[in-house]
Protein backbone atom coordinates (compact mmCIF):
# COMPACT_ATOMS: atom_id res chain seq x y z
CA UNK A 1 81.67 -9.10 -52.20
CA UNK A 2 80.40 -9.19 -55.26
CA UNK A 3 78.74 -12.19 -54.53
CA UNK A 4 76.87 -10.19 -51.08
CA UNK A 5 76.38 -7.35 -53.70
CA UNK A 6 73.91 -9.68 -55.91
CA UNK A 7 72.28 -11.59 -52.97
CA UNK A 8 70.84 -7.96 -51.64
CA UNK A 9 69.97 -7.21 -55.63
CA UNK A 10 68.22 -10.02 -55.88
CA UNK A 11 66.63 -9.80 -52.35
CA UNK A 12 65.48 -6.28 -53.22
CA UNK A 13 64.13 -7.60 -56.94
CA UNK A 14 62.19 -10.33 -54.79
CA UNK A 15 60.55 -7.66 -52.40
CA UNK A 16 57.92 -5.97 -54.77
CA UNK A 17 57.30 -9.33 -56.00
CA UNK A 18 56.09 -10.47 -52.69
CA UNK A 19 54.32 -7.28 -51.85
CA UNK A 20 52.46 -7.97 -54.71
CA UNK A 21 51.30 -11.50 -54.19
CA UNK A 22 50.62 -10.51 -50.79
CA UNK A 23 48.16 -7.50 -51.70
CA UNK A 24 46.73 -10.18 -54.73
CA UNK A 25 46.20 -12.81 -52.04
CA UNK A 26 46.15 -11.57 -48.40
CA UNK A 27 45.23 -14.57 -46.92
CA UNK A 28 46.79 -18.10 -48.53
CA UNK A 29 48.14 -21.63 -47.13
CA UNK A 30 51.16 -23.24 -48.70
CA UNK A 31 50.97 -26.58 -48.22
CA UNK A 32 53.05 -30.02 -49.55
CA UNK A 33 51.77 -33.07 -51.44
CA UNK A 34 52.98 -36.11 -51.59
CA UNK A 35 51.90 -39.89 -53.59
CA UNK A 36 53.57 -42.91 -54.09
CA UNK A 37 53.12 -46.19 -55.92
CA UNK A 38 55.06 -49.25 -56.44
CA UNK A 39 55.36 -51.10 -59.83
CA UNK A 40 55.85 -54.69 -60.51
CA UNK A 41 58.49 -54.69 -63.49
CA UNK A 42 57.76 -55.94 -67.16
CA UNK A 43 60.59 -54.97 -69.10
CA UNK A 44 64.13 -56.59 -67.96
CA UNK A 45 67.55 -55.10 -69.41
CA UNK A 46 70.76 -57.58 -69.87
CA UNK A 47 73.97 -56.83 -71.08
CA UNK A 48 76.05 -59.74 -72.63
CA UNK A 49 79.19 -59.76 -73.30
CA UNK A 50 81.08 -62.43 -75.54
CA UNK A 51 84.92 -62.36 -74.91
CA UNK A 52 87.40 -64.75 -77.06
CA UNK A 53 89.68 -64.59 -73.70
CA UNK A 54 86.93 -66.77 -71.60
CA UNK A 55 87.35 -69.87 -73.70
CA UNK A 56 90.92 -68.90 -74.08
CA UNK A 57 91.00 -68.38 -77.74
CA UNK A 58 89.61 -71.81 -78.39
CA UNK A 59 86.55 -70.55 -79.76
CA UNK A 60 85.74 -67.63 -81.41
CA UNK A 61 83.41 -64.78 -80.51
CA UNK A 62 81.66 -65.14 -84.14
CA UNK A 63 80.93 -68.96 -83.12
CA UNK A 64 79.84 -67.83 -79.07
CA UNK A 65 77.48 -65.48 -81.02
CA UNK A 66 75.55 -67.83 -83.86
CA UNK A 67 75.46 -70.32 -80.50
CA UNK A 68 74.18 -67.19 -78.42
CA UNK A 69 71.40 -66.85 -80.88
CA UNK A 70 70.39 -70.28 -81.60
CA UNK A 71 69.85 -70.89 -77.48
CA UNK A 72 68.01 -67.49 -77.33
CA UNK A 73 65.53 -68.60 -80.41
CA UNK A 74 65.02 -72.01 -78.49
CA UNK A 75 64.00 -70.15 -75.71
CA UNK A 76 61.30 -68.68 -78.58
CA UNK A 77 63.11 -64.94 -77.82
CA UNK A 78 62.64 -62.96 -80.95
CA UNK A 79 66.17 -61.83 -81.45
CA UNK A 80 65.82 -59.06 -83.84
CA UNK A 81 63.41 -57.55 -81.71
CA UNK A 82 64.94 -58.55 -78.37
CA UNK A 83 68.35 -58.46 -79.17
CA UNK A 84 70.66 -55.88 -80.37
CA UNK A 85 74.32 -54.94 -80.54
CA UNK A 86 76.23 -51.95 -79.07
CA UNK A 87 77.71 -48.79 -80.57
CA UNK A 88 80.49 -50.79 -82.90
CA UNK A 89 82.83 -47.75 -82.52
CA UNK A 90 83.30 -47.85 -78.57
CA UNK A 91 81.80 -51.43 -77.38
CA UNK A 92 83.92 -53.80 -79.48
CA UNK A 93 87.75 -54.50 -80.12
CA UNK A 94 89.31 -56.08 -82.84
CA UNK A 95 92.64 -58.25 -82.80
CA UNK A 96 93.85 -58.52 -86.75
CA UNK A 97 90.66 -59.01 -88.62
CA UNK A 98 88.41 -60.75 -85.94
CA UNK A 99 86.17 -59.65 -83.69
CA UNK A 100 87.67 -60.52 -79.99
CA UNK A 101 84.75 -58.71 -78.15
CA UNK A 102 81.72 -58.14 -78.55
CA UNK A 103 78.88 -56.63 -76.05
CA UNK A 104 74.87 -56.78 -76.44
CA UNK A 105 71.94 -56.05 -74.96
CA UNK A 106 69.48 -58.36 -74.72
CA UNK A 107 65.39 -57.48 -73.53
CA UNK A 108 63.42 -59.70 -71.46
CA UNK A 109 59.53 -59.46 -70.65
CA UNK A 110 59.59 -61.35 -67.04
CA UNK A 111 61.96 -62.86 -63.94
CA UNK A 112 61.24 -66.39 -65.36
CA UNK A 113 62.59 -65.27 -69.28
CA UNK A 114 65.49 -63.85 -67.29
CA UNK A 115 66.44 -67.19 -65.26
CA UNK A 116 66.01 -69.59 -68.69
CA UNK A 117 68.40 -66.87 -70.53
CA UNK A 118 70.84 -66.95 -67.58
CA UNK A 119 71.12 -70.61 -67.58
CA UNK A 120 71.33 -70.66 -70.90
CA UNK A 121 74.43 -68.77 -71.55
CA UNK A 122 75.69 -70.32 -68.63
CA UNK A 123 75.65 -73.44 -70.33
CA UNK A 124 77.35 -72.06 -73.56
CA UNK A 125 80.69 -70.63 -71.10
CA UNK A 126 78.82 -66.82 -71.15
CA UNK A 127 78.86 -66.00 -67.90
CA UNK A 128 79.63 -62.05 -67.95
CA UNK A 129 76.24 -61.32 -68.27
CA UNK A 130 74.34 -58.42 -65.55
CA UNK A 131 71.45 -56.59 -65.30
CA UNK A 132 71.29 -53.27 -66.63
CA UNK A 133 68.17 -51.99 -65.66
CA UNK A 134 64.55 -52.67 -65.14
CA UNK A 135 61.74 -50.78 -65.93
CA UNK A 136 57.82 -50.89 -67.10
CA UNK A 137 55.98 -50.86 -70.32
CA UNK A 138 53.83 -48.25 -68.89
CA UNK A 139 56.06 -46.08 -66.41
CA UNK A 140 55.34 -42.63 -68.31
CA UNK A 141 51.54 -43.50 -67.66
CA UNK A 142 52.23 -44.53 -63.85
CA UNK A 143 54.41 -41.37 -63.41
CA UNK A 144 51.57 -39.10 -64.41
CA UNK A 145 48.94 -41.22 -62.20
CA UNK A 146 51.46 -40.58 -58.94
CA UNK A 147 52.11 -37.02 -59.97
CA UNK A 148 47.80 -36.09 -60.40
CA UNK A 149 47.76 -37.86 -57.05
CA UNK A 150 50.43 -35.72 -55.51
CA UNK A 151 48.72 -32.56 -55.74
CA UNK A 152 45.26 -33.90 -55.28
CA UNK A 153 46.81 -34.55 -51.72
CA UNK A 154 48.15 -31.18 -51.35
CA UNK A 155 44.58 -29.56 -52.06
CA UNK A 156 43.34 -32.30 -49.41
CA UNK A 157 45.99 -31.12 -46.86
CA UNK A 158 45.26 -27.16 -47.13
CA UNK A 159 41.33 -28.43 -47.00
CA UNK A 160 42.02 -30.29 -43.39
CA UNK A 161 44.24 -27.66 -42.01
CA UNK A 162 41.51 -24.45 -43.49
CA UNK A 163 38.54 -26.77 -42.11
CA UNK A 164 40.45 -26.64 -38.72
CA UNK A 165 40.22 -22.62 -38.52
CA UNK A 166 37.02 -22.36 -40.35
CA UNK A 167 38.10 -20.81 -43.46
CA UNK A 168 37.85 -22.68 -46.80
CA UNK A 169 39.91 -23.37 -49.81
CA UNK A 170 40.11 -21.20 -52.80
CA UNK A 171 41.76 -21.27 -56.05
CA UNK A 172 45.55 -22.62 -56.43
CA UNK A 173 47.75 -20.06 -57.53
CA UNK A 174 51.05 -21.78 -57.33
CA UNK A 175 52.17 -25.19 -57.91
CA UNK A 176 55.80 -26.19 -57.98
CA UNK A 177 56.74 -29.44 -59.19
CA UNK A 178 60.58 -30.02 -58.69
CA UNK A 179 60.70 -34.09 -58.98
CA UNK A 180 63.64 -35.83 -61.48
CA UNK A 181 63.29 -39.38 -62.32
CA UNK A 182 62.60 -42.16 -61.14
CA UNK A 183 65.93 -43.53 -59.02
CA UNK A 184 67.37 -46.44 -60.22
CA UNK A 185 67.60 -49.77 -58.62
CA UNK A 186 70.70 -51.61 -58.16
CA UNK A 187 70.77 -55.09 -58.23
CA UNK A 188 73.65 -57.97 -57.02
CA UNK A 189 74.31 -59.73 -60.25
CA UNK A 190 76.21 -62.62 -58.55
CA UNK A 191 73.29 -63.44 -56.53
CA UNK A 192 70.91 -63.00 -59.17
CA UNK A 193 73.24 -65.40 -61.37
CA UNK A 194 73.17 -67.88 -58.26
CA UNK A 195 69.04 -68.12 -58.39
CA UNK A 196 69.54 -68.40 -62.25
CA UNK A 197 71.56 -71.13 -62.13
CA UNK A 198 69.68 -72.67 -59.16
CA UNK A 199 66.26 -72.44 -61.07
CA UNK A 200 67.59 -73.77 -64.23
CA UNK A 201 68.36 -77.17 -62.62
CA UNK A 202 64.70 -77.60 -61.53
CA UNK A 203 61.72 -78.04 -63.93
CA UNK A 204 59.25 -75.15 -63.18
CA UNK A 205 55.83 -74.28 -64.06
CA UNK A 206 55.61 -71.70 -67.02
CA UNK A 207 53.52 -68.97 -64.42
CA UNK A 208 55.94 -69.21 -62.06
CA UNK A 209 57.99 -66.68 -61.00
CA UNK A 210 61.82 -67.87 -60.38
CA UNK A 211 63.71 -64.55 -59.33
CA UNK A 212 62.54 -62.24 -57.27
CA UNK A 213 63.05 -58.60 -58.86
CA UNK A 214 62.50 -55.16 -56.51
CA UNK A 215 59.75 -53.12 -57.38
CA UNK A 216 59.88 -49.85 -59.12
CA UNK A 217 59.04 -47.29 -56.95
CA UNK A 218 57.74 -43.74 -58.00
CA UNK A 219 57.52 -41.29 -55.23
CA UNK A 220 56.12 -37.35 -56.18
CA UNK A 221 56.08 -34.20 -54.13
CA UNK A 222 54.85 -30.50 -55.13
CA UNK A 223 54.77 -27.40 -53.50
CA UNK A 224 51.35 -25.60 -53.49
CA UNK A 225 49.74 -22.47 -52.14
CA UNK A 226 45.84 -21.59 -51.83
CA UNK A 227 43.42 -18.97 -51.32
CA UNK A 228 41.66 -18.84 -47.81
CA UNK A 229 38.50 -17.86 -48.49
């Protein structure tokens, strides 16, 4: 009952506002605008977990860490910039005085780098590697481009409809942008790992891309209202 009363009050409050809008803009058109873009990723984030249990305690985590860093450096990876540890307080587990498990995040710049790094880690017996996410170094710039394209599409739609009834479109007095962040891209890590191993077994040219990653899909929608003249 209380909810019905609140809804009734809200409706009464909205009526004067709607009446004022109708009075200010007696003739208007409401349309949606839409735009999309597909971006090939150039940032790849891997999660690497080193666990002493993988070697049944024969190889310490510290030793595996040193081997991993040396292997990544041999691939030309700037480990100081591209490799970072996870939070010690939540992602590390200790056994007595030595670390029993460690988690890293590795940022790479191409699918070829991903395949080479994955193969090198597997050769060291580090198999707990997965794709955290993919992105693009200019993703924010591309988002803005798509949003601008969406509002331009809305005006074009308004002009097309207005022309059909012998009218023209004036100023825009309402824009509703309800867009959220880009939806994450999900990957089958087992399939990618098999592809990386197969790619690592074959000598490839530097410009070849051994792994196929999904493009990042940017899609934006806006609601608009334009004055009809």
